Amino acid sequence: MKKSLIALGGAGLLLVGAVMLVLPGPGLPIVVAGVALLATEFPWARNAMRRIRRWVAWGRRRTGLLNWLRSRRRGRIGAVA
């Protein structure tokens, strides 16, 4: 029963997220939320979440976003008075 509800909820989030990729709305975060929900019960979704996390970490390293966020937290660059 629990696995069925998680599968239904995750599939629903994936469907809504896929629609929001075309229509206005936060499509990617909704798709990731659907995969995260499915990852609680299904091994294929767990593997997909691992790939998503690796991809996001790679993107942060590549763009320097993590360093920029750390510098903003310390108030070094671009501090607003």
PDB file of N, CA and C in Angstrom:
ATOM      1  N   MET A   1       0.824  -1.189   0.000  1.00  0.00           N
ATOM      2  CA  MET A   1       0.000   0.000   0.000  1.00  0.00           C
ATOM      3  C   MET A   1       0.873   1.260   0.000  1.00  0.00           C
ATOM      4  N   LYS A   2       1.883   1.291   0.902  1.00  0.00           N
ATOM      5  CA  LYS A   2       2.761   2.446   0.996  1.00  0.00           C
ATOM      6  C   LYS A   2       3.535   2.652  -0.307  1.00  0.00           C
ATOM      7  N   LYS A   3       4.044   1.551  -0.856  1.00  0.00           N
ATOM      8  CA  LYS A   3       4.809   1.643  -2.094  1.00  0.00           C
ATOM      9  C   LYS A   3       3.936   2.153  -3.239  1.00  0.00           C
ATOM     10  N   SER A   4       2.686   1.755  -3.261  1.00  0.00           N
ATOM     11  CA  SER A   4       1.763   2.204  -4.301  1.00  0.00           C
ATOM     12  C   SER A   4       1.485   3.702  -4.195  1.00  0.00           C
ATOM     13  N   LEU A   5       1.304   4.177  -2.959  1.00  0.00           N
ATOM     14  CA  LEU A   5       1.052   5.600  -2.769  1.00  0.00           C
ATOM     15  C   LEU A   5       2.268   6.439  -3.149  1.00  0.00           C
ATOM     16  N   ILE A   6       3.449   5.955  -2.791  1.00  0.00           N
ATOM     17  CA  ILE A   6       4.671   6.673  -3.157  1.00  0.00           C
ATOM     18  C   ILE A   6       4.841   6.676  -4.671  1.00  0.00           C
ATOM     19  N   ALA A   7       4.571   5.547  -5.306  1.00  0.00           N
ATOM     20  CA  ALA A   7       4.673   5.476  -6.768  1.00  0.00           C
ATOM     21  C   ALA A   7       3.679   6.419  -7.427  1.00  0.00           C
ATOM     22  N   LEU A   8       2.475   6.477  -6.916  1.00  0.00           N
ATOM     23  CA  LEU A   8       1.455   7.362  -7.474  1.00  0.00           C
ATOM     24  C   LEU A   8       1.830   8.832  -7.276  1.00  0.00           C
ATOM     25  N   GLY A   9       2.278   9.176  -6.072  1.00  0.00           N
ATOM     26  CA  GLY A   9       2.669  10.562  -5.800  1.00  0.00           C
ATOM     27  C   GLY A   9       3.879  10.983  -6.612  1.00  0.00           C
ATOM     28  N   GLY A  10       4.888  10.105  -6.697  1.00  0.00           N
ATOM     29  CA  GLY A  10       6.079  10.421  -7.474  1.00  0.00           C
ATOM     30  C   GLY A  10       5.777  10.558  -8.954  1.00  0.00           C
ATOM     31  N   ALA A  11       4.945   9.663  -9.472  1.00  0.00           N
ATOM     32  CA  ALA A  11       4.565   9.749 -10.881  1.00  0.00           C
ATOM     33  C   ALA A  11       3.759  11.012 -11.150  1.00  0.00           C
ATOM     34  N   GLY A  12       2.915  11.382 -10.204  1.00  0.00           N
ATOM     35  CA  GLY A  12       2.150  12.616 -10.356  1.00  0.00           C
ATOM     36  C   GLY A  12       3.055  13.838 -10.393  1.00  0.00           C
ATOM     37  N   LEU A  13       4.041  13.875  -9.500  1.00  0.00           N
ATOM     38  CA  LEU A  13       4.983  14.990  -9.503  1.00  0.00           C
ATOM     39  C   LEU A  13       5.787  15.024 -10.797  1.00  0.00           C
ATOM     40  N   LEU A  14       6.205  13.853 -11.271  1.00  0.00           N
ATOM     41  CA  LEU A  14       6.941  13.815 -12.536  1.00  0.00           C
ATOM     42  C   LEU A  14       6.081  14.334 -13.683  1.00  0.00           C
ATOM     43  N   LEU A  15       4.831  13.942 -13.711  1.00  0.00           N
ATOM     44  CA  LEU A  15       3.931  14.389 -14.779  1.00  0.00           C
ATOM     45  C   LEU A  15       3.700  15.899 -14.716  1.00  0.00           C
ATOM     46  N   VAL A  16       3.430  16.411 -13.527  1.00  0.00           N
ATOM     47  CA  VAL A  16       3.212  17.852 -13.372  1.00  0.00           C
ATOM     48  C   VAL A  16       4.486  18.615 -13.730  1.00  0.00           C
ATOM     49  N   GLY A  17       5.634  18.110 -13.300  1.00  0.00           N
ATOM     50  CA  GLY A  17       6.900  18.758 -13.630  1.00  0.00           C
ATOM     51  C   GLY A  17       7.177  18.753 -15.116  1.00  0.00           C
ATOM     52  N   ALA A  18       6.850  17.649 -15.776  1.00  0.00           N
ATOM     53  CA  ALA A  18       7.050  17.578 -17.225  1.00  0.00           C
ATOM     54  C   ALA A  18       6.164  18.581 -17.948  1.00  0.00           C
ATOM     55  N   VAL A  19       4.939  18.756 -17.468  1.00  0.00           N
ATOM     56  CA  VAL A  19       4.045  19.747 -18.064  1.00  0.00           C
ATOM     57  C   VAL A  19       4.594  21.154 -17.830  1.00  0.00           C
ATOM     58  N   MET A  20       5.143  21.382 -16.631  1.00  0.00           N
ATOM     59  CA  MET A  20       5.687  22.703 -16.315  1.00  0.00           C
ATOM     60  C   MET A  20       6.980  23.011 -17.064  1.00  0.00           C
ATOM     61  N   LEU A  21       7.613  22.010 -17.636  1.00  0.00           N
ATOM     62  CA  LEU A  21       8.777  22.284 -18.472  1.00  0.00           C
ATOM     63  C   LEU A  21       8.364  23.034 -19.734  1.00  0.00           C
ATOM     64  N   VAL A  22       7.154  22.775 -20.187  1.00  0.00           N
ATOM     65  CA  VAL A  22       6.643  23.427 -21.389  1.00  0.00           C
ATOM     66  C   VAL A  22       5.854  24.680 -21.024  1.00  0.00           C
ATOM     67  N   LEU A  23       5.028  24.580 -20.004  1.00  0.00           N
ATOM     68  CA  LEU A  23       4.225  25.712 -19.554  1.00  0.00           C
ATOM     69  C   LEU A  23       4.993  26.493 -18.488  1.00  0.00           C
ATOM     70  N   PRO A  24       4.549  27.696 -18.170  1.00  0.00           N
ATOM     71  CA  PRO A  24       5.234  28.470 -17.124  1.00  0.00           C
ATOM     72  C   PRO A  24       5.138  27.774 -15.774  1.00  0.00           C
ATOM     73  N   GLY A  25       6.262  27.724 -15.096  1.00  0.00           N
ATOM     74  CA  GLY A  25       6.291  27.115 -13.772  1.00  0.00           C
ATOM     75  C   GLY A  25       7.643  26.501 -13.496  1.00  0.00           C
ATOM     76  N   PRO A  26       7.874  26.131 -12.250  1.00  0.00           N
ATOM     77  CA  PRO A  26       9.166  25.559 -11.853  1.00  0.00           C
ATOM     78  C   PRO A  26       9.245  24.069 -12.197  1.00  0.00           C
ATOM     79  N   GLY A  27       9.443  23.748 -13.451  1.00  0.00           N
ATOM     80  CA  GLY A  27       9.410  22.361 -13.904  1.00  0.00           C
ATOM     81  C   GLY A  27      10.504  21.483 -13.350  1.00  0.00           C
ATOM     82  N   LEU A  28      11.762  21.919 -13.448  1.00  0.00           N
ATOM     83  CA  LEU A  28      12.877  21.073 -12.996  1.00  0.00           C
ATOM     84  C   LEU A  28      12.823  20.747 -11.507  1.00  0.00           C
ATOM     85  N   PRO A  29      12.561  21.719 -10.624  1.00  0.00           N
ATOM     86  CA  PRO A  29      12.476  21.349  -9.200  1.00  0.00           C
ATOM     87  C   PRO A  29      11.357  20.350  -8.905  1.00  0.00           C
ATOM     88  N   ILE A  30      10.258  20.441  -9.621  1.00  0.00           N
ATOM     89  CA  ILE A  30       9.146  19.508  -9.410  1.00  0.00           C
ATOM     90  C   ILE A  30       9.532  18.116  -9.897  1.00  0.00           C
ATOM     91  N   VAL A  31      10.228  18.043 -11.028  1.00  0.00           N
ATOM     92  CA  VAL A  31      10.693  16.742 -11.536  1.00  0.00           C
ATOM     93  C   VAL A  31      11.667  16.116 -10.544  1.00  0.00           C
ATOM     94  N   VAL A  32      12.593  16.914 -10.019  1.00  0.00           N
ATOM     95  CA  VAL A  32      13.564  16.401  -9.046  1.00  0.00           C
ATOM     96  C   VAL A  32      12.846  15.942  -7.777  1.00  0.00           C
ATOM     97  N   ALA A  33      11.823  16.673  -7.352  1.00  0.00           N
ATOM     98  CA  ALA A  33      11.056  16.259  -6.177  1.00  0.00           C
ATOM     99  C   ALA A  33      10.355  14.926  -6.422  1.00  0.00           C
ATOM    100  N   GLY A  34       9.843  14.731  -7.620  1.00  0.00           N
ATOM    101  CA  GLY A  34       9.207  13.459  -7.958  1.00  0.00           C
ATOM    102  C   GLY A  34      10.196  12.308  -7.932  1.00  0.00           C
ATOM    103  N   VAL A  35      11.377  12.537  -8.489  1.00  0.00           N
ATOM    104  CA  VAL A  35      12.404  11.484  -8.468  1.00  0.00           C
ATOM    105  C   VAL A  35      12.845  11.215  -7.032  1.00  0.00           C
ATOM    106  N   ALA A  36      12.971  12.276  -6.227  1.00  0.00           N
ATOM    107  CA  ALA A  36      13.368  12.090  -4.823  1.00  0.00           C
ATOM    108  C   ALA A  36      12.323  11.278  -4.063  1.00  0.00           C
ATOM    109  N   LEU A  37      11.061  11.525  -4.321  1.00  0.00           N
ATOM    110  CA  LEU A  37      10.004  10.745  -3.666  1.00  0.00           C
ATOM    111  C   LEU A  37      10.059   9.287  -4.109  1.00  0.00           C
ATOM    112  N   LEU A  38      10.249   9.076  -5.389  1.00  0.00           N
ATOM    113  CA  LEU A  38      10.346   7.700  -5.887  1.00  0.00           C
ATOM    114  C   LEU A  38      11.606   6.999  -5.371  1.00  0.00           C
ATOM    115  N   ALA A  39      12.656   7.764  -5.110  1.00  0.00           N
ATOM    116  CA  ALA A  39      13.919   7.178  -4.643  1.00  0.00           C
ATOM    117  C   ALA A  39      13.805   6.563  -3.254  1.00  0.00           C
ATOM    118  N   THR A  40      12.766   6.916  -2.520  1.00  0.00           N
ATOM    119  CA  THR A  40      12.593   6.314  -1.201  1.00  0.00           C
ATOM    120  C   THR A  40      12.200   4.845  -1.288  1.00  0.00           C
ATOM    121  N   GLU A  41      11.694   4.412  -2.446  1.00  0.00           N
ATOM    122  CA  GLU A  41      11.221   3.030  -2.580  1.00  0.00           C
ATOM    123  C   GLU A  41      11.817   2.253  -3.746  1.00  0.00           C
ATOM    124  N   PHE A  42      12.312   2.946  -4.771  1.00  0.00           N
ATOM    125  CA  PHE A  42      12.728   2.259  -5.987  1.00  0.00           C
ATOM    126  C   PHE A  42      14.219   2.449  -6.266  1.00  0.00           C
ATOM    127  N   PRO A  43      14.947   1.352  -6.500  1.00  0.00           N
ATOM    128  CA  PRO A  43      16.394   1.455  -6.755  1.00  0.00           C
ATOM    129  C   PRO A  43      16.740   2.254  -8.009  1.00  0.00           C
ATOM    130  N   TRP A  44      15.955   2.169  -9.075  1.00  0.00           N
ATOM    131  CA  TRP A  44      16.276   2.917 -10.279  1.00  0.00           C
ATOM    132  C   TRP A  44      16.190   4.414 -10.029  1.00  0.00           C
ATOM    133  N   ALA A  45      15.252   4.828  -9.186  1.00  0.00           N
ATOM    134  CA  ALA A  45      15.124   6.246  -8.872  1.00  0.00           C
ATOM    135  C   ALA A  45      16.252   6.697  -7.951  1.00  0.00           C
ATOM    136  N   ARG A  46      16.710   5.804  -7.070  1.00  0.00           N
ATOM    137  CA  ARG A  46      17.854   6.103  -6.205  1.00  0.00           C
ATOM    138  C   ARG A  46      19.088   6.364  -7.061  1.00  0.00           C
ATOM    139  N   ASN A  47      19.291   5.539  -8.080  1.00  0.00           N
ATOM    140  CA  ASN A  47      20.419   5.741  -8.986  1.00  0.00           C
ATOM    141  C   ASN A  47      20.272   7.052  -9.753  1.00  0.00           C
ATOM    142  N   ALA A  48      19.060   7.379 -10.157  1.00  0.00           N
ATOM    143  CA  ALA A  48      18.829   8.639 -10.862  1.00  0.00           C
ATOM    144  C   ALA A  48      19.130   9.830  -9.946  1.00  0.00           C
ATOM    145  N   MET A  49      18.767   9.742  -8.670  1.00  0.00           N
ATOM    146  CA  MET A  49      19.068  10.824  -7.737  1.00  0.00           C
ATOM    147  C   MET A  49      20.572  10.971  -7.541  1.00  0.00           C
ATOM    148  N   ARG A  50      21.284   9.867  -7.500  1.00  0.00           N
ATOM    149  CA  ARG A  50      22.751   9.952  -7.392  1.00  0.00           C
ATOM    150  C   ARG A  50      23.331  10.684  -8.589  1.00  0.00           C
ATOM    151  N   ARG A  51      22.829  10.361  -9.785  1.00  0.00           N
ATOM    152  CA  ARG A  51      23.307  11.040 -10.993  1.00  0.00           C
ATOM    153  C   ARG A  51      22.962  12.520 -10.969  1.00  0.00           C
ATOM    154  N   ILE A  52      21.770  12.855 -10.497  1.00  0.00           N
ATOM    155  CA  ILE A  52      21.363  14.259 -10.408  1.00  0.00           C
ATOM    156  C   ILE A  52      22.273  15.002  -9.440  1.00  0.00           C
ATOM    157  N   ARG A  53      22.554  14.398  -8.289  1.00  0.00           N
ATOM    158  CA  ARG A  53      23.430  15.050  -7.307  1.00  0.00           C
ATOM    159  C   ARG A  53      24.827  15.260  -7.863  1.00  0.00           C
ATOM    160  N   ARG A  54      25.348  14.249  -8.568  1.00  0.00           N
ATOM    161  CA  ARG A  54      26.683  14.401  -9.188  1.00  0.00           C
ATOM    162  C   ARG A  54      26.679  15.513 -10.222  1.00  0.00           C
ATOM    163  N   TRP A  55      25.629  15.585 -11.026  1.00  0.00           N
ATOM    164  CA  TRP A  55      25.524  16.596 -12.063  1.00  0.00           C
ATOM    165  C   TRP A  55      25.464  17.999 -11.452  1.00  0.00           C
ATOM    166  N   VAL A  56      24.689  18.151 -10.384  1.00  0.00           N
ATOM    167  CA  VAL A  56      24.581  19.452  -9.719  1.00  0.00           C
ATOM    168  C   VAL A  56      25.913  19.839  -9.094  1.00  0.00           C
ATOM    169  N   ALA A  57      26.591  18.897  -8.442  1.00  0.00           N
ATOM    170  CA  ALA A  57      27.899  19.187  -7.837  1.00  0.00           C
ATOM    171  C   ALA A  57      28.908  19.573  -8.915  1.00  0.00           C
ATOM    172  N   TRP A  58      28.889  18.886 -10.041  1.00  0.00           N
ATOM    173  CA  TRP A  58      29.778  19.221 -11.148  1.00  0.00           C
ATOM    174  C   TRP A  58      29.497  20.634 -11.647  1.00  0.00           C
ATOM    175  N   GLY A  59      28.235  20.961 -11.793  1.00  0.00           N
ATOM    176  CA  GLY A  59      27.860  22.293 -12.263  1.00  0.00           C
ATOM    177  C   GLY A  59      28.282  23.385 -11.298  1.00  0.00           C
ATOM    178  N   ARG A  60      28.142  23.132  -9.996  1.00  0.00           N
ATOM    179  CA  ARG A  60      28.582  24.124  -9.014  1.00  0.00           C
ATOM    180  C   ARG A  60      30.086  24.332  -9.076  1.00  0.00           C
ATOM    181  N   ARG A  61      30.819  23.233  -9.205  1.00  0.00           N
ATOM    182  CA  ARG A  61      32.278  23.355  -9.309  1.00  0.00           C
ATOM    183  C   ARG A  61      32.667  24.077 -10.585  1.00  0.00           C
ATOM    184  N   ARG A  62      32.028  23.729 -11.664  1.00  0.00           N
ATOM    185  CA  ARG A  62      32.375  24.289 -12.979  1.00  0.00           C
ATOM    186  C   ARG A  62      32.083  25.791 -13.060  1.00  0.00           C
ATOM    187  N   THR A  63      30.982  26.213 -12.475  1.00  0.00           N
ATOM    188  CA  THR A  63      30.604  27.621 -12.554  1.00  0.00           C
ATOM    189  C   THR A  63      31.195  28.458 -11.425  1.00  0.00           C
ATOM    190  N   GLY A  64      31.708  27.823 -10.376  1.00  0.00           N
ATOM    191  CA  GLY A  64      32.231  28.563  -9.237  1.00  0.00           C
ATOM    192  C   GLY A  64      31.131  29.077  -8.322  1.00  0.00           C
ATOM    193  N   LEU A  65      29.927  28.541  -8.452  1.00  0.00           N
ATOM    194  CA  LEU A  65      28.800  29.010  -7.664  1.00  0.00           C
ATOM    195  C   LEU A  65      29.018  28.801  -6.167  1.00  0.00           C
ATOM    196  N   LEU A  66      29.579  27.668  -5.794  1.00  0.00           N
ATOM    197  CA  LEU A  66      29.780  27.386  -4.375  1.00  0.00           C
ATOM    198  C   LEU A  66      30.724  28.404  -3.754  1.00  0.00           C
ATOM    199  N   ASN A  67      31.811  28.734  -4.434  1.00  0.00           N
ATOM    200  CA  ASN A  67      32.740  29.740  -3.913  1.00  0.00           C
ATOM    201  C   ASN A  67      32.078  31.108  -3.820  1.00  0.00           C
ATOM    202  N   TRP A  68      31.262  31.441  -4.805  1.00  0.00           N
ATOM    203  CA  TRP A  68      30.560  32.717  -4.784  1.00  0.00           C
ATOM    204  C   TRP A  68      29.592  32.780  -3.605  1.00  0.00           C
ATOM    205  N   LEU A  69      28.866  31.690  -3.360  1.00  0.00           N
ATOM    206  CA  LEU A  69      27.934  31.669  -2.238  1.00  0.00           C
ATOM    207  C   LEU A  69      28.669  31.791  -0.911  1.00  0.00           C
ATOM    208  N   ARG A  70      29.802  31.120  -0.790  1.00  0.00           N
ATOM    209  CA  ARG A  70      30.592  31.220   0.447  1.00  0.00           C
ATOM    210  C   ARG A  70      31.090  32.644   0.657  1.00  0.00           C
ATOM    211  N   SER A  71      31.549  33.290  -0.404  1.00  0.00           N
ATOM    212  CA  SER A  71      32.039  34.662  -0.262  1.00  0.00           C
ATOM    213  C   SER A  71      30.894  35.603   0.096  1.00  0.00           C
ATOM    214  N   ARG A  72      29.702  35.380  -0.426  1.00  0.00           N
ATOM    215  CA  ARG A  72      28.552  36.208  -0.083  1.00  0.00           C
ATOM    216  C   ARG A  72      28.171  36.015   1.368  1.00  0.00           C
ATOM    217  N   ARG A  73      28.289  34.800   1.869  1.00  0.00           N
ATOM    218  CA  ARG A  73      27.931  34.519   3.254  1.00  0.00           C
ATOM    219  C   ARG A  73      28.877  35.242   4.194  1.00  0.00           C
ATOM    220  N   ARG A  74      30.147  35.328   3.813  1.00  0.00           N
ATOM    221  CA  ARG A  74      31.143  36.012   4.652  1.00  0.00           C
ATOM    222  C   ARG A  74      31.046  37.518   4.504  1.00  0.00           C
ATOM    223  N   GLY A  75      30.337  37.987   3.494  1.00  0.00           N
ATOM    224  CA  GLY A  75      30.166  39.411   3.296  1.00  0.00           C
ATOM    225  C   GLY A  75      31.348  40.096   2.628  1.00  0.00           C
ATOM    226  N   ARG A  76      32.149  39.347   1.896  1.00  0.00           N
ATOM    227  CA  ARG A  76      33.342  39.932   1.278  1.00  0.00           C
ATOM    228  C   ARG A  76      33.032  40.683   0.006  1.00  0.00           C
ATOM    229  N   ILE A  77      32.262  40.073  -0.868  1.00  0.00           N
ATOM    230  CA  ILE A  77      32.052  40.645  -2.193  1.00  0.00           C
ATOM    231  C   ILE A  77      30.595  41.054  -2.340  1.00  0.00           C
ATOM    232  N   GLY A  78      30.400  42.265  -2.801  1.00  0.00           N
ATOM    233  CA  GLY A  78      29.052  42.705  -3.135  1.00  0.00           C
ATOM    234  C   GLY A  78      28.139  42.887  -1.932  1.00  0.00           C
ATOM    235  N   ALA A  79      28.709  43.227  -0.782  1.00  0.00           N
ATOM    236  CA  ALA A  79      27.885  43.442   0.401  1.00  0.00           C
ATOM    237  C   ALA A  79      27.042  44.693   0.211  1.00  0.00           C
ATOM    238  N   VAL A  80      25.790  44.602   0.541  1.00  0.00           N
ATOM    239  CA  VAL A  80      24.870  45.725   0.409  1.00  0.00           C
ATOM    240  C   VAL A  80      24.789  46.425   1.750  1.00  0.00           C
ATOM    241  N   ALA A  81      25.015  47.731   1.746  1.00  0.00           N
ATOM    242  CA  ALA A  81      25.016  48.481   3.007  1.00  0.00           C
ATOM    243  C   ALA A  81      23.623  48.908   3.405  1.00  0.00           C
TER     244      ALA A  81
END
